[in-house]
Amino acid sequence: MVAYDGVAAYLKTKEISVSYRADFYIPENIIGYTGEIDNNPTVYFMTGPAHGPNEYGHITQGHQIGPNEGREAVRRSTQYEIRVGASGNLEEWDGGQCIHPSRNAFISVTGLDAKSKYLLSCAIARFTEEKRVGRFTEQQIDELFDHGRVLGR
């Protein structure tokens, strides 16, 4: 018991950093990306059977609004789907509503070579924390995104 108490006391003095949803944001769950593969693409992840329920999320590596970079909060749904928007861009839909319109087309991980898959997996190590924008109120988010004038939320 003394050894355990000593370890517990030691751990209280150290800041332990655990990646947000390290069980989900793994290379095996990468389904594709948007943007340029060698220029901070947004990397999309999903688990579960084809007809759900499944978990989904993405890592935004580059955005004009810094707090929007990082790991998206992981969601669970039986109705999640990726669609192609009117301009050929990716749209994420859940429950009949578009929840995330991208500025770019979706490129599936299927058929990518090993180097491309490696480049996508680098996002996991580069961004270990949940997006800071996820901690903001709706009013703060609206102000941050200039009341809808900044695209790519």
Foldseek 3Di string as FASTA:
>chain_A
DVVVVVVVVVVVVDDDDAFDPPVFLALVFWWWWWDDLVPQTKTKGKDDDPQDQIKIWIAGRDDPQQLQGATEPIDTARAWDWDQDPVRWIFIDGPRDTPFTAPGHIDTPPPDDPVSSVSSSVSCVVHRYYRNCVVDDPVVVCVSCVNVPNDGD
